[in-house]
Amino acid sequence: MLFCDGFLANDVDKCVYSKFENDDYVIICLYLDNMLIFGTCIDVVFRSKLFLWFKLEMKDIGEANLILGVKIITKGDKTLLFQEQYIEKLLKKFEYYDFKLVSTPYDINSKLKKNIGESMFINLSIPR
């Protein structure tokens, strides 16, 4: 399905739109009243943002640093994603945040061996 300005709606997630221009592409992800725009070429991203500014009342809040609980850090040409904040939120929600670490008993003298046998799959049916 064509959105506009050449953007196509994703078949699986209707909140994701993409546009290909020559060898470059832009992806727009919508979430409630937020929009994440990224692509392979800053010029194509900027032109897409200009198009959206003329069509919608929107504000550019700059480079994303957190989205859906995932922290985004850019270092040079690398982008790192961290879910620490999301995991802490889940641990607090289910009251596991203040649990203490425990050691898992392990015999340091045990030797692990590679499994050289054939895999065996058994199909079990449960009587109703």
N, C-alpha and C. Protein backbone atom coordinates (compact mmCIF):
# COMPACT_ATOMS: atom_id res chain seq x y z
N MET A 1 0.84 -1.18 0.00
CA MET A 1 0.00 0.00 0.00
C MET A 1 0.88 1.24 0.00
N LEU A 2 0.61 2.17 -0.91
CA LEU A 2 1.38 3.39 -1.03
C LEU A 2 0.87 4.42 -0.05
N PHE A 3 1.75 4.97 0.78
CA PHE A 3 1.39 5.99 1.77
C PHE A 3 1.34 7.33 1.06
N CYS A 4 2.45 7.92 0.75
CA CYS A 4 2.58 9.12 -0.08
C CYS A 4 4.06 9.44 -0.19
N ASP A 5 4.41 10.24 -1.17
CA ASP A 5 5.80 10.60 -1.45
C ASP A 5 6.66 9.36 -1.65
N GLY A 6 6.07 8.29 -2.16
CA GLY A 6 6.83 7.08 -2.46
C GLY A 6 6.98 6.11 -1.30
N PHE A 7 6.42 6.42 -0.14
CA PHE A 7 6.54 5.51 1.00
C PHE A 7 5.55 4.36 0.86
N LEU A 8 6.02 3.17 1.20
CA LEU A 8 5.18 1.98 1.17
C LEU A 8 4.95 1.48 2.58
N ALA A 9 3.72 1.10 2.90
CA ALA A 9 3.41 0.53 4.21
C ALA A 9 3.95 -0.89 4.26
N ASN A 10 4.49 -1.26 5.38
CA ASN A 10 4.98 -2.61 5.60
C ASN A 10 3.80 -3.56 5.65
N ASP A 11 3.91 -4.72 5.02
CA ASP A 11 2.82 -5.69 5.00
C ASP A 11 2.52 -6.28 6.37
N VAL A 12 3.54 -6.41 7.22
CA VAL A 12 3.38 -7.05 8.52
C VAL A 12 3.03 -6.04 9.60
N ASP A 13 3.66 -4.88 9.58
CA ASP A 13 3.44 -3.85 10.61
C ASP A 13 3.02 -2.56 9.93
N LYS A 14 1.77 -2.21 10.07
CA LYS A 14 1.22 -1.03 9.39
C LYS A 14 1.71 0.28 9.98
N CYS A 15 2.56 0.23 10.99
CA CYS A 15 3.15 1.44 11.56
C CYS A 15 4.56 1.68 11.05
N VAL A 16 4.98 0.88 10.07
CA VAL A 16 6.32 1.02 9.50
C VAL A 16 6.17 1.30 8.01
N TYR A 17 6.85 2.37 7.55
CA TYR A 17 6.81 2.78 6.15
C TYR A 17 8.23 2.89 5.64
N SER A 18 8.42 2.54 4.38
CA SER A 18 9.76 2.62 3.81
C SER A 18 9.70 3.21 2.41
N LYS A 19 10.82 3.82 2.03
CA LYS A 19 10.92 4.41 0.70
C LYS A 19 12.33 4.17 0.20
N PHE A 20 12.43 3.71 -1.05
CA PHE A 20 13.73 3.47 -1.67
C PHE A 20 13.94 4.49 -2.76
N GLU A 21 15.09 5.16 -2.74
CA GLU A 21 15.49 6.13 -3.76
C GLU A 21 16.86 5.73 -4.25
N ASN A 22 16.94 5.28 -5.49
CA ASN A 22 18.21 4.79 -6.04
C ASN A 22 18.75 3.69 -5.12
N ASP A 23 19.92 3.88 -4.52
CA ASP A 23 20.49 2.87 -3.64
C ASP A 23 20.28 3.21 -2.16
N ASP A 24 19.54 4.26 -1.88
CA ASP A 24 19.32 4.69 -0.50
C ASP A 24 17.89 4.40 -0.08
N TYR A 25 17.68 4.31 1.23
CA TYR A 25 16.33 4.08 1.72
C TYR A 25 16.10 4.82 3.03
N VAL A 26 14.83 5.05 3.31
CA VAL A 26 14.39 5.70 4.55
C VAL A 26 13.29 4.83 5.14
N ILE A 27 13.32 4.67 6.45
CA ILE A 27 12.28 3.92 7.15
C ILE A 27 11.67 4.84 8.20
N ILE A 28 10.35 4.87 8.27
CA ILE A 28 9.62 5.65 9.27
C ILE A 28 8.84 4.66 10.14
N CYS A 29 9.06 4.75 11.44
CA CYS A 29 8.33 3.91 12.40
C CYS A 29 7.45 4.83 13.24
N LEU A 30 6.17 4.52 13.31
CA LEU A 30 5.22 5.31 14.09
C LEU A 30 4.88 4.58 15.37
N TYR A 31 4.81 5.34 16.47
CA TYR A 31 4.39 4.78 17.74
C TYR A 31 3.66 5.86 18.51
N LEU A 32 2.34 5.68 18.65
CA LEU A 32 1.48 6.68 19.29
C LEU A 32 1.71 8.04 18.62
N ASP A 33 2.23 9.02 19.37
CA ASP A 33 2.45 10.33 18.77
C ASP A 33 3.92 10.58 18.48
N ASN A 34 4.70 9.53 18.38
CA ASN A 34 6.13 9.64 18.08
C ASN A 34 6.45 9.00 16.74
N MET A 35 7.53 9.46 16.15
CA MET A 35 7.95 8.96 14.85
C MET A 35 9.47 8.83 14.88
N LEU A 36 9.97 7.70 14.44
CA LEU A 36 11.40 7.47 14.32
C LEU A 36 11.71 7.38 12.83
N ILE A 37 12.62 8.23 12.37
CA ILE A 37 12.98 8.26 10.95
C ILE A 37 14.47 7.95 10.86
N PHE A 38 14.82 6.96 10.05
CA PHE A 38 16.23 6.65 9.84
C PHE A 38 16.44 6.14 8.43
N GLY A 39 17.66 6.22 7.97
CA GLY A 39 17.95 5.80 6.61
C GLY A 39 19.43 5.69 6.35
N THR A 40 19.75 5.39 5.11
CA THR A 40 21.14 5.19 4.72
C THR A 40 21.82 6.46 4.27
N CYS A 41 21.06 7.53 4.03
CA CYS A 41 21.62 8.78 3.53
C CYS A 41 20.93 9.95 4.22
N ILE A 42 21.70 10.83 4.84
CA ILE A 42 21.12 11.94 5.58
C ILE A 42 20.30 12.86 4.68
N ASP A 43 20.68 13.00 3.43
CA ASP A 43 19.92 13.85 2.50
C ASP A 43 18.52 13.29 2.25
N VAL A 44 18.42 11.99 2.07
CA VAL A 44 17.11 11.36 1.84
C VAL A 44 16.26 11.47 3.11
N VAL A 45 16.87 11.30 4.28
CA VAL A 45 16.16 11.45 5.55
C VAL A 45 15.66 12.89 5.69
N PHE A 46 16.52 13.87 5.38
CA PHE A 46 16.14 15.28 5.50
C PHE A 46 15.00 15.62 4.55
N ARG A 47 15.05 15.15 3.31
CA ARG A 47 13.96 15.41 2.36
C ARG A 47 12.65 14.79 2.84
N SER A 48 12.73 13.62 3.44
CA SER A 48 11.53 12.97 3.98
C SER A 48 10.97 13.77 5.14
N LYS A 49 11.84 14.29 6.01
CA LYS A 49 11.38 15.12 7.12
C LYS A 49 10.73 16.41 6.61
N LEU A 50 11.31 17.01 5.58
CA LEU A 50 10.71 18.22 4.98
C LEU A 50 9.31 17.93 4.46
N PHE A 51 9.17 16.81 3.75
CA PHE A 51 7.86 16.42 3.23
C PHE A 51 6.85 16.29 4.36
N LEU A 52 7.26 15.62 5.44
CA LEU A 52 6.36 15.42 6.57
C LEU A 52 6.03 16.73 7.28
N TRP A 53 7.00 17.65 7.39
CA TRP A 53 6.75 18.94 8.02
C TRP A 53 5.67 19.72 7.29
N PHE A 54 5.65 19.63 5.95
CA PHE A 54 4.64 20.34 5.16
C PHE A 54 3.26 19.68 5.28
N LYS A 55 3.22 18.38 5.54
CA LYS A 55 1.96 17.65 5.63
C LYS A 55 1.39 17.58 7.04
N LEU A 56 2.25 17.54 8.03
CA LEU A 56 1.82 17.32 9.41
C LEU A 56 2.34 18.42 10.33
N GLU A 57 1.65 18.61 11.42
CA GLU A 57 2.17 19.51 12.45
C GLU A 57 3.07 18.68 13.33
N MET A 58 4.37 18.87 13.17
CA MET A 58 5.31 18.05 13.92
C MET A 58 6.52 18.85 14.34
N LYS A 59 7.23 18.32 15.31
CA LYS A 59 8.42 18.96 15.86
C LYS A 59 9.56 17.96 15.84
N ASP A 60 10.72 18.39 15.37
CA ASP A 60 11.90 17.54 15.37
C ASP A 60 12.57 17.67 16.73
N ILE A 61 12.62 16.58 17.48
CA ILE A 61 13.24 16.63 18.80
C ILE A 61 14.67 16.10 18.78
N GLY A 62 15.23 15.98 17.58
CA GLY A 62 16.63 15.59 17.45
C GLY A 62 16.85 14.11 17.35
N GLU A 63 18.09 13.77 17.52
CA GLU A 63 18.50 12.36 17.40
C GLU A 63 17.91 11.54 18.53
N ALA A 64 17.41 10.38 18.19
CA ALA A 64 16.79 9.49 19.18
C ALA A 64 17.84 8.96 20.14
N ASN A 65 17.49 8.96 21.44
CA ASN A 65 18.38 8.34 22.42
C ASN A 65 17.67 7.27 23.24
N LEU A 66 16.33 7.20 23.12
CA LEU A 66 15.56 6.17 23.81
C LEU A 66 14.25 5.97 23.05
N ILE A 67 13.94 4.72 22.74
CA ILE A 67 12.67 4.42 22.08
C ILE A 67 12.20 3.04 22.53
N LEU A 68 10.97 2.98 22.99
CA LEU A 68 10.37 1.73 23.46
C LEU A 68 11.25 1.01 24.47
N GLY A 69 11.88 1.78 25.35
CA GLY A 69 12.70 1.19 26.39
C GLY A 69 14.09 0.78 25.95
N VAL A 70 14.44 1.04 24.71
CA VAL A 70 15.77 0.70 24.21
C VAL A 70 16.59 1.98 24.11
N LYS A 71 17.71 2.02 24.81
CA LYS A 71 18.60 3.17 24.79
C LYS A 71 19.48 3.08 23.55
N ILE A 72 19.62 4.20 22.84
CA ILE A 72 20.39 4.24 21.60
C ILE A 72 21.60 5.14 21.82
N ILE A 73 22.79 4.61 21.59
CA ILE A 73 24.02 5.39 21.71
C ILE A 73 24.78 5.28 20.40
N THR A 74 25.15 6.43 19.85
CA THR A 74 25.92 6.46 18.61
C THR A 74 27.36 6.84 18.94
N LYS A 75 28.28 6.00 18.51
CA LYS A 75 29.71 6.25 18.69
C LYS A 75 30.38 6.13 17.33
N GLY A 76 30.72 7.26 16.76
CA GLY A 76 31.32 7.26 15.42
C GLY A 76 30.32 6.74 14.41
N ASP A 77 30.70 5.71 13.68
CA ASP A 77 29.80 5.13 12.68
C ASP A 77 29.06 3.92 13.22
N LYS A 78 29.14 3.69 14.53
CA LYS A 78 28.46 2.54 15.15
C LYS A 78 27.28 3.02 15.97
N THR A 79 26.22 2.23 15.97
CA THR A 79 25.05 2.49 16.80
C THR A 79 24.88 1.32 17.75
N LEU A 80 24.82 1.63 19.04
CA LEU A 80 24.69 0.60 20.07
C LEU A 80 23.30 0.68 20.68
N LEU A 81 22.70 -0.47 20.93
CA LEU A 81 21.38 -0.55 21.54
C LEU A 81 21.49 -1.25 22.88
N PHE A 82 20.91 -0.64 23.92
CA PHE A 82 20.95 -1.20 25.26
C PHE A 82 19.54 -1.34 25.79
N GLN A 83 19.23 -2.47 26.42
CA GLN A 83 17.90 -2.69 26.98
C GLN A 83 17.93 -2.68 28.51
N GLU A 84 18.99 -2.17 29.11
CA GLU A 84 19.13 -2.17 30.55
C GLU A 84 17.94 -1.48 31.23
N GLN A 85 17.53 -0.32 30.73
CA GLN A 85 16.43 0.42 31.34
C GLN A 85 15.13 -0.38 31.27
N TYR A 86 14.88 -1.02 30.14
CA TYR A 86 13.67 -1.82 29.95
C TYR A 86 13.68 -3.02 30.91
N ILE A 87 14.83 -3.68 31.03
CA ILE A 87 14.94 -4.85 31.90
C ILE A 87 14.74 -4.45 33.36
N GLU A 88 15.34 -3.32 33.76
CA GLU A 88 15.15 -2.84 35.13
C GLU A 88 13.67 -2.54 35.40
N LYS A 89 13.00 -1.96 34.43
CA LYS A 89 11.56 -1.66 34.57
C LYS A 89 10.76 -2.95 34.78
N LEU A 90 11.08 -3.99 34.00
CA LEU A 90 10.38 -5.27 34.15
C LEU A 90 10.68 -5.91 35.50
N LEU A 91 11.94 -5.86 35.92
CA LEU A 91 12.30 -6.45 37.22
C LEU A 91 11.56 -5.75 38.36
N LYS A 92 11.45 -4.43 38.28
CA LYS A 92 10.72 -3.68 39.31
C LYS A 92 9.23 -4.00 39.25
N LYS A 93 8.69 -4.09 38.05
CA LYS A 93 7.25 -4.37 37.89
C LYS A 93 6.88 -5.70 38.55
N PHE A 94 7.72 -6.71 38.36
CA PHE A 94 7.42 -8.03 38.89
C PHE A 94 8.14 -8.32 40.22
N GLU A 95 8.64 -7.25 40.84
CA GLU A 95 9.26 -7.30 42.16
C GLU A 95 10.46 -8.25 42.24
N TYR A 96 11.31 -8.22 41.23
CA TYR A 96 12.54 -9.00 41.24
C TYR A 96 13.78 -8.10 41.24
N TYR A 97 13.58 -6.80 41.31
CA TYR A 97 14.71 -5.86 41.17
C TYR A 97 15.70 -5.95 42.33
N ASP A 98 15.23 -6.16 43.54
CA ASP A 98 16.11 -6.16 44.70
C ASP A 98 16.65 -7.55 45.07
N PHE A 99 16.47 -8.52 44.20
CA PHE A 99 16.99 -9.86 44.48
C PHE A 99 18.52 -9.83 44.42
N LYS A 100 19.15 -10.63 45.23
CA LYS A 100 20.61 -10.71 45.28
C LYS A 100 21.10 -11.82 44.35
N LEU A 101 22.29 -11.64 43.84
CA LEU A 101 22.90 -12.67 43.01
C LEU A 101 23.24 -13.89 43.85
N VAL A 102 23.12 -15.05 43.24
CA VAL A 102 23.53 -16.28 43.92
C VAL A 102 24.47 -17.04 42.99
N SER A 103 25.36 -17.76 43.59
CA SER A 103 26.26 -18.55 42.76
C SER A 103 25.57 -19.85 42.37
N THR A 104 25.87 -20.32 41.20
CA THR A 104 25.31 -21.58 40.73
C THR A 104 26.38 -22.65 40.93
N PRO A 105 26.07 -23.70 41.67
CA PRO A 105 27.08 -24.74 41.90
C PRO A 105 27.53 -25.35 40.58
N TYR A 106 28.83 -25.46 40.43
CA TYR A 106 29.39 -26.03 39.21
C TYR A 106 30.71 -26.70 39.57
N ASP A 107 30.86 -27.92 39.14
CA ASP A 107 32.09 -28.65 39.39
C ASP A 107 33.12 -28.22 38.35
N ILE A 108 34.14 -27.49 38.79
CA ILE A 108 35.13 -26.96 37.84
C ILE A 108 35.99 -28.06 37.24
N ASN A 109 35.94 -29.27 37.80
CA ASN A 109 36.72 -30.39 37.28
C ASN A 109 35.97 -31.16 36.19
N SER A 110 34.70 -30.85 35.99
CA SER A 110 33.94 -31.59 34.98
C SER A 110 34.36 -31.13 33.59
N LYS A 111 34.43 -32.07 32.67
CA LYS A 111 34.83 -31.79 31.29
C LYS A 111 33.62 -31.95 30.38
N LEU A 112 33.37 -30.94 29.59
CA LEU A 112 32.27 -31.00 28.63
C LEU A 112 32.77 -31.65 27.36
N LYS A 113 31.94 -32.49 26.75
CA LYS A 113 32.32 -33.17 25.52
C LYS A 113 31.33 -32.82 24.43
N LYS A 114 31.85 -32.72 23.23
CA LYS A 114 30.99 -32.44 22.09
C LYS A 114 30.10 -33.64 21.82
N ASN A 115 28.82 -33.37 21.55
CA ASN A 115 27.87 -34.43 21.23
C ASN A 115 28.13 -34.89 19.79
N ILE A 116 28.51 -36.14 19.64
CA ILE A 116 28.79 -36.66 18.29
C ILE A 116 27.69 -37.59 17.81
N GLY A 117 26.69 -37.77 18.62
CA GLY A 117 25.57 -38.63 18.25
C GLY A 117 24.60 -37.91 17.33
N GLU A 118 23.68 -38.65 16.76
CA GLU A 118 22.67 -38.07 15.90
C GLU A 118 21.55 -37.47 16.74
N SER A 119 20.97 -36.40 16.22
CA SER A 119 19.82 -35.81 16.90
C SER A 119 18.63 -36.73 16.77
N MET A 120 17.82 -36.78 17.80
CA MET A 120 16.65 -37.65 17.76
C MET A 120 15.44 -36.81 18.15
N PHE A 121 14.45 -36.79 17.29
CA PHE A 121 13.23 -36.07 17.56
C PHE A 121 12.11 -37.08 17.74
N ILE A 122 11.33 -36.91 18.78
CA ILE A 122 10.22 -37.81 19.04
C ILE A 122 8.95 -37.01 18.98
N ASN A 123 8.02 -37.47 18.19
CA ASN A 123 6.73 -36.80 18.07
C ASN A 123 5.76 -37.46 19.04
N LEU A 124 5.38 -36.71 20.06
CA LEU A 124 4.45 -37.25 21.06
C LEU A 124 3.08 -36.61 20.84
N SER A 125 2.07 -37.44 20.90
CA SER A 125 0.73 -36.88 20.85
C SER A 125 0.05 -37.15 22.19
N ILE A 126 -0.65 -36.13 22.65
CA ILE A 126 -1.32 -36.24 23.93
C ILE A 126 -2.77 -36.64 23.68
N PRO A 127 -3.22 -37.75 24.29
CA PRO A 127 -4.61 -38.17 24.08
C PRO A 127 -5.56 -37.14 24.67
N ARG A 128 -6.67 -36.94 23.99
CA ARG A 128 -7.65 -35.95 24.44
C ARG A 128 -8.77 -36.61 25.19
